[in-house]
Structures are given as C-alpha cells and as structure tokens.
Amino acid sequence: MVNQRVVLVGASSTGKTTVAELLKPELRYYKFISESTRTVRSYGFPINEEGTSATQLAISSFHLEALLQDSNLLLDRGYLDLVVYSRFLDGIDKATMDCIEGTWDRVKHRYTKFIYFPIEFKSVDDGVRSVNEEWRDSIDKEFVKELDYSKIEYLTVTGSPKQRVDQIKKYI
C-alpha cells in the first residue's frame, strides 16, 4: 500500500497547525511534520515578506526531505505553500523561482490529499507570522488559483477547529 501524504495548505494564520495538533490523537498511524518556516527561521533565514532565494531553497529542502519519509504523513505545510509564497517575494531570483516551480511540477503528485484552509479570521500577531492582511489575502487567492490550475482535487475545510478535524477525518 502507498503511504498517505496529507498536506494542509493555505495562507498563514488559518488554523493549519492548530488543526494538525488536534488530529494527532485521532490519526495515530500518521507522522506529523510541521513548522517548516519556523524551522528555517531558527537557522537565521529571513521569512515572510523578507524571504530570499536562500530562504526559499532552505524551505524547499525541508519539504523534499519530508516527502522522503517512509510512513503516512500529515504536513501542516507542503511544497505548494513554498511555490505560492515564493511568487510574492521580491527577493527571489529567476533561477531560484524556476527551480521551485519545476520541482513543484515533479513532486505535486507525491501528495495524496490536499486540504485547503481559507481565511476565516484575522491573522494573529505572534511575533513570527506576517500581519499584513492585504498580502495574506493575495496569498490566499493564489492558493486557490494554483490548486485549480494544477487540477488538484482538494477539500476546503471551514468552521471551528473541531468541525475542521471532523471534515478531515471523513475525507481521509
């Protein structure tokens, strides 16, 4: 049987990590991988609107390493997040963007389920996330555009964290 690779995608501060934490006791046979951006930030790379080509390549490595795992996975961000955010960063050179887009084309089929989290509430200022709502709205629209363009089947989850957990459990 093929390992499941379920990825939660969407703009920052939409509840992905919260829901992933709530799913842990429900999906004991899954390995949970989270916090790619925070991990890269801990190495000293700038994130959010200040992200650079080096930042995005470090995040790319994180996501590709996750896809090498030989187990069922639930990821609170995936390669799609990298692609979408990279499109909105001024500090990304063309060669890096071409590499990211080309890699996305080669790896997107490795994810078995996409779960999209739309924006339903304002961003929470935790000292790490961007609170630029205009930027966040643009990111959100790009997720839907790319999911539809790539003809990726996905579930959109809404409501309370518990309602989202129930929707995801039913979907996977």
C-alpha atoms as a PDB file:
ATOM      1  CA  MET A   1       0.000   0.000   0.000  1.00  0.00           C
ATOM      2  CA  VAL A   2       1.191   3.503  -0.840  1.00  0.00           C
ATOM      3  CA  ASN A   3       1.903   5.780   2.104  1.00  0.00           C
ATOM      4  CA  GLN A   4      -0.545   8.637   2.500  1.00  0.00           C
ATOM      5  CA  ARG A   5       0.813  12.174   2.314  1.00  0.00           C
ATOM      6  CA  VAL A   6      -1.880  14.550   3.502  1.00  0.00           C
ATOM      7  CA  VAL A   7      -0.975  18.229   3.302  1.00  0.00           C
ATOM      8  CA  LEU A   8      -2.756  21.171   4.900  1.00  0.00           C
ATOM      9  CA  VAL A   9      -2.352  24.252   2.709  1.00  0.00           C
ATOM     10  CA  GLY A  10      -3.356  27.879   2.945  1.00  0.00           C
ATOM     11  CA  ALA A  11      -2.214  31.323   3.987  1.00  0.00           C
ATOM     12  CA  SER A  12      -0.659  31.903   7.379  1.00  0.00           C
ATOM     13  CA  SER A  13      -2.855  32.037  10.472  1.00  0.00           C
ATOM     14  CA  THR A  14      -5.713  29.995   9.035  1.00  0.00           C
ATOM     15  CA  GLY A  15      -5.610  27.240  11.646  1.00  0.00           C
ATOM     16  CA  LYS A  16      -3.474  24.566   9.953  1.00  0.00           C
ATOM     17  CA  THR A  17      -1.128  23.920  12.875  1.00  0.00           C
ATOM     18  CA  THR A  18      -3.948  24.078  15.426  1.00  0.00           C
ATOM     19  CA  VAL A  19      -5.957  21.503  13.496  1.00  0.00           C
ATOM     20  CA  ALA A  20      -2.867  19.325  12.933  1.00  0.00           C
ATOM     21  CA  GLU A  21      -2.328  19.237  16.708  1.00  0.00           C
ATOM     22  CA  LEU A  22      -5.957  18.227  17.244  1.00  0.00           C
ATOM     23  CA  LEU A  23      -5.610  15.466  14.645  1.00  0.00           C
ATOM     24  CA  LYS A  24      -2.595  13.825  16.314  1.00  0.00           C
ATOM     25  CA  PRO A  25      -4.577  11.685  18.773  1.00  0.00           C
ATOM     26  CA  GLU A  26      -7.097  10.867  16.031  1.00  0.00           C
ATOM     27  CA  LEU A  27      -4.555   9.728  13.419  1.00  0.00           C
ATOM     28  CA  ARG A  28      -2.050   7.716  15.427  1.00  0.00           C
ATOM     29  CA  TYR A  29      -0.732   5.919  12.342  1.00  0.00           C
ATOM     30  CA  TYR A  30       0.432   9.207  10.782  1.00  0.00           C
ATOM     31  CA  LYS A  31       3.701  11.019  11.322  1.00  0.00           C
ATOM     32  CA  PHE A  32       3.152  14.776  11.728  1.00  0.00           C
ATOM     33  CA  ILE A  33       5.578  17.236  10.171  1.00  0.00           C
ATOM     34  CA  SER A  34       5.137  20.933  10.851  1.00  0.00           C
ATOM     35  CA  GLU A  35       6.716  24.331  11.145  1.00  0.00           C
ATOM     36  CA  SER A  36       8.896  24.444   8.029  1.00  0.00           C
ATOM     37  CA  THR A  37       9.052  28.239   8.107  1.00  0.00           C
ATOM     38  CA  ARG A  38       9.817  28.453  11.820  1.00  0.00           C
ATOM     39  CA  THR A  39      12.500  25.775  11.440  1.00  0.00           C
ATOM     40  CA  VAL A  40      14.183  27.694   8.627  1.00  0.00           C
ATOM     41  CA  ARG A  41      13.865  30.913  10.636  1.00  0.00           C
ATOM     42  CA  SER A  42      15.685  29.197  13.528  1.00  0.00           C
ATOM     43  CA  TYR A  43      18.686  28.779  11.197  1.00  0.00           C
ATOM     44  CA  GLY A  44      18.771  32.543  10.680  1.00  0.00           C
ATOM     45  CA  PHE A  45      16.940  32.857   7.364  1.00  0.00           C
ATOM     46  CA  PRO A  46      14.542  35.813   6.956  1.00  0.00           C
ATOM     47  CA  ILE A  47      10.897  34.759   6.467  1.00  0.00           C
ATOM     48  CA  ASN A  48       7.551  36.215   5.406  1.00  0.00           C
ATOM     49  CA  GLU A  49       7.796  39.245   3.123  1.00  0.00           C
ATOM     50  CA  GLU A  50      11.562  39.442   3.767  1.00  0.00           C
ATOM     51  CA  GLY A  51      12.203  35.917   2.427  1.00  0.00           C
ATOM     52  CA  THR A  52      15.075  35.471  -0.021  1.00  0.00           C
ATOM     53  CA  SER A  53      16.138  32.890  -2.592  1.00  0.00           C
ATOM     54  CA  ALA A  54      18.245  31.236   0.113  1.00  0.00           C
ATOM     55  CA  THR A  55      15.228  31.129   2.446  1.00  0.00           C
ATOM     56  CA  GLN A  56      13.040  29.516  -0.161  1.00  0.00           C
ATOM     57  CA  LEU A  57      15.689  26.935  -1.102  1.00  0.00           C
ATOM     58  CA  ALA A  58      16.060  26.023   2.581  1.00  0.00           C
ATOM     59  CA  ILE A  59      12.285  25.589   2.833  1.00  0.00           C
ATOM     60  CA  SER A  60      12.388  23.528  -0.366  1.00  0.00           C
ATOM     61  CA  SER A  61      14.916  21.193   1.239  1.00  0.00           C
ATOM     62  CA  PHE A  62      12.667  20.835   4.301  1.00  0.00           C
ATOM     63  CA  HIS A  63       9.675  19.840   2.157  1.00  0.00           C
ATOM     64  CA  LEU A  64      11.636  17.466  -0.066  1.00  0.00           C
ATOM     65  CA  GLU A  65      13.102  15.745   2.981  1.00  0.00           C
ATOM     66  CA  ALA A  66       9.572  15.302   4.349  1.00  0.00           C
ATOM     67  CA  LEU A  67       8.490  13.604   1.127  1.00  0.00           C
ATOM     68  CA  LEU A  68      11.308  11.061   1.574  1.00  0.00           C
ATOM     69  CA  GLN A  69       9.726   9.781   4.807  1.00  0.00           C
ATOM     70  CA  ASP A  70       8.585   6.166   4.536  1.00  0.00           C
ATOM     71  CA  SER A  71       5.370   6.497   6.524  1.00  0.00           C
ATOM     72  CA  ASN A  72       1.928   8.056   6.404  1.00  0.00           C
ATOM     73  CA  LEU A  73       2.382  11.806   6.764  1.00  0.00           C
ATOM     74  CA  LEU A  74       0.285  14.776   7.720  1.00  0.00           C
ATOM     75  CA  LEU A  75       2.062  18.036   6.935  1.00  0.00           C
ATOM     76  CA  ASP A  76       0.850  21.457   8.037  1.00  0.00           C
ATOM     77  CA  ARG A  77       2.564  22.994   5.005  1.00  0.00           C
ATOM     78  CA  GLY A  78       3.795  21.483   1.770  1.00  0.00           C
ATOM     79  CA  TYR A  79       5.647  22.307  -1.407  1.00  0.00           C
ATOM     80  CA  LEU A  80       2.592  24.164  -2.707  1.00  0.00           C
ATOM     81  CA  ASP A  81       2.971  26.674   0.142  1.00  0.00           C
ATOM     82  CA  LEU A  82       6.570  27.269  -0.937  1.00  0.00           C
ATOM     83  CA  VAL A  83       5.504  27.876  -4.539  1.00  0.00           C
ATOM     84  CA  VAL A  84       2.700  30.273  -3.631  1.00  0.00           C
ATOM     85  CA  TYR A  85       4.715  32.343  -1.151  1.00  0.00           C
ATOM     86  CA  SER A  86       7.722  32.486  -3.481  1.00  0.00           C
ATOM     87  CA  ARG A  87       5.577  34.134  -6.157  1.00  0.00           C
ATOM     88  CA  PHE A  88       5.028  37.089  -3.820  1.00  0.00           C
ATOM     89  CA  LEU A  89       8.598  37.669  -2.662  1.00  0.00           C
ATOM     90  CA  ASP A  90      10.739  40.392  -4.194  1.00  0.00           C
ATOM     91  CA  GLY A  91      13.954  38.700  -3.044  1.00  0.00           C
ATOM     92  CA  ILE A  92      13.623  35.625  -5.284  1.00  0.00           C
ATOM     93  CA  ASP A  93      15.847  35.469  -8.352  1.00  0.00           C
ATOM     94  CA  LYS A  94      14.607  33.909 -11.604  1.00  0.00           C
ATOM     95  CA  ALA A  95      16.814  30.807 -11.380  1.00  0.00           C
ATOM     96  CA  THR A  96      15.517  30.006  -7.897  1.00  0.00           C
ATOM     97  CA  MET A  97      11.917  30.568  -8.934  1.00  0.00           C
ATOM     98  CA  ASP A  98      12.375  28.345 -11.997  1.00  0.00           C
ATOM     99  CA  CYS A  99      13.868  25.645  -9.760  1.00  0.00           C
ATOM    100  CA  ILE A 100      10.974  25.879  -7.277  1.00  0.00           C
ATOM    101  CA  GLU A 101       8.295  25.829  -9.998  1.00  0.00           C
ATOM    102  CA  GLY A 102       9.979  22.941 -11.829  1.00  0.00           C
ATOM    103  CA  THR A 103      10.335  20.933  -8.643  1.00  0.00           C
ATOM    104  CA  TRP A 104       6.656  21.547  -7.834  1.00  0.00           C
ATOM    105  CA  ASP A 105       5.699  20.110 -11.224  1.00  0.00           C
ATOM    106  CA  ARG A 106       7.724  16.975 -10.420  1.00  0.00           C
ATOM    107  CA  VAL A 107       6.604  16.431  -6.797  1.00  0.00           C
ATOM    108  CA  LYS A 108       2.970  17.550  -6.575  1.00  0.00           C
ATOM    109  CA  HIS A 109       1.742  14.047  -7.409  1.00  0.00           C
ATOM    110  CA  ARG A 110       3.585  12.705  -4.322  1.00  0.00           C
ATOM    111  CA  TYR A 111       0.915  14.244  -2.080  1.00  0.00           C
ATOM    112  CA  THR A 112      -2.183  12.059  -1.844  1.00  0.00           C
ATOM    113  CA  LYS A 113      -4.613  14.557  -0.267  1.00  0.00           C
ATOM    114  CA  PHE A 114      -4.695  18.350  -0.249  1.00  0.00           C
ATOM    115  CA  ILE A 115      -6.730  20.151   2.389  1.00  0.00           C
ATOM    116  CA  TYR A 116      -7.187  23.868   1.839  1.00  0.00           C
ATOM    117  CA  PHE A 117      -7.732  26.278   4.740  1.00  0.00           C
ATOM    118  CA  PRO A 118      -9.348  29.542   3.559  1.00  0.00           C
ATOM    119  CA  ILE A 119      -9.013  32.754   5.528  1.00  0.00           C
ATOM    120  CA  GLU A 120     -11.875  32.978   8.024  1.00  0.00           C
ATOM    121  CA  PHE A 121     -10.385  35.298  10.648  1.00  0.00           C
ATOM    122  CA  LYS A 122      -7.698  37.961  11.019  1.00  0.00           C
ATOM    123  CA  SER A 123      -4.073  36.980  11.432  1.00  0.00           C
ATOM    124  CA  VAL A 124      -2.756  36.602  14.968  1.00  0.00           C
ATOM    125  CA  ASP A 125       0.388  38.580  15.763  1.00  0.00           C
ATOM    126  CA  ASP A 126       2.656  36.006  17.362  1.00  0.00           C
ATOM    127  CA  GLY A 127       5.901  37.791  16.529  1.00  0.00           C
ATOM    128  CA  VAL A 128       6.592  35.383  13.657  1.00  0.00           C
ATOM    129  CA  ARG A 129       3.658  35.495  11.252  1.00  0.00           C
ATOM    130  CA  SER A 130       3.048  38.412   8.955  1.00  0.00           C
ATOM    131  CA  VAL A 131       0.029  40.500   9.957  1.00  0.00           C
ATOM    132  CA  ASN A 132      -0.195  42.209   6.573  1.00  0.00           C
ATOM    133  CA  GLU A 133      -3.795  41.304   5.666  1.00  0.00           C
ATOM    134  CA  GLU A 134      -3.542  42.553   2.076  1.00  0.00           C
ATOM    135  CA  TRP A 135      -0.509  40.318   1.458  1.00  0.00           C
ATOM    136  CA  ARG A 136      -2.269  37.408   3.174  1.00  0.00           C
ATOM    137  CA  ASP A 137      -5.392  37.858   1.006  1.00  0.00           C
ATOM    138  CA  SER A 138      -3.231  37.803  -2.146  1.00  0.00           C
ATOM    139  CA  ILE A 139      -1.551  34.613  -0.927  1.00  0.00           C
ATOM    140  CA  ASP A 140      -4.948  33.027  -0.251  1.00  0.00           C
ATOM    141  CA  LYS A 141      -6.198  33.788  -3.769  1.00  0.00           C
ATOM    142  CA  GLU A 142      -3.016  32.323  -5.247  1.00  0.00           C
ATOM    143  CA  PHE A 143      -3.563  29.034  -3.404  1.00  0.00           C
ATOM    144  CA  VAL A 144      -6.986  28.569  -4.995  1.00  0.00           C
ATOM    145  CA  LYS A 145      -5.662  29.643  -8.380  1.00  0.00           C
ATOM    146  CA  GLU A 146      -2.794  27.116  -8.268  1.00  0.00           C
ATOM    147  CA  LEU A 147      -4.935  24.272  -6.917  1.00  0.00           C
ATOM    148  CA  ASP A 148      -7.440  24.835  -9.718  1.00  0.00           C
ATOM    149  CA  TYR A 149      -4.766  25.399 -12.411  1.00  0.00           C
ATOM    150  CA  SER A 150      -2.945  22.197 -11.434  1.00  0.00           C
ATOM    151  CA  LYS A 151      -6.267  20.309 -11.438  1.00  0.00           C
ATOM    152  CA  ILE A 152      -5.618  19.154  -7.896  1.00  0.00           C
ATOM    153  CA  GLU A 153      -8.523  17.613  -6.062  1.00  0.00           C
ATOM    154  CA  TYR A 154      -8.790  19.176  -2.619  1.00  0.00           C
ATOM    155  CA  LEU A 155     -11.052  19.574   0.355  1.00  0.00           C
ATOM    156  CA  THR A 156     -11.841  23.050   1.667  1.00  0.00           C
ATOM    157  CA  VAL A 157     -12.359  22.993   5.439  1.00  0.00           C
ATOM    158  CA  THR A 158     -14.266  25.650   7.339  1.00  0.00           C
ATOM    159  CA  GLY A 159     -15.735  26.258  10.752  1.00  0.00           C
ATOM    160  CA  SER A 160     -14.391  25.635  14.216  1.00  0.00           C
ATOM    161  CA  PRO A 161     -11.207  23.610  14.742  1.00  0.00           C
ATOM    162  CA  LYS A 162     -13.351  20.615  15.824  1.00  0.00           C
ATOM    163  CA  GLN A 163     -15.528  20.923  12.717  1.00  0.00           C
ATOM    164  CA  ARG A 164     -12.399  21.027  10.556  1.00  0.00           C
ATOM    165  CA  VAL A 165     -10.986  17.937  12.283  1.00  0.00           C
ATOM    166  CA  ASP A 166     -14.238  16.077  11.600  1.00  0.00           C
ATOM    167  CA  GLN A 167     -14.214  17.142   7.926  1.00  0.00           C
ATOM    168  CA  ILE A 168     -10.603  15.981   7.514  1.00  0.00           C
ATOM    169  CA  LYS A 169     -11.143  12.629   9.230  1.00  0.00           C
ATOM    170  CA  LYS A 170     -14.076  11.941   6.917  1.00  0.00           C
ATOM    171  CA  TYR A 171     -12.031  12.959   3.847  1.00  0.00           C
ATOM    172  CA  ILE A 172      -9.003  10.820   4.575  1.00  0.00           C
END
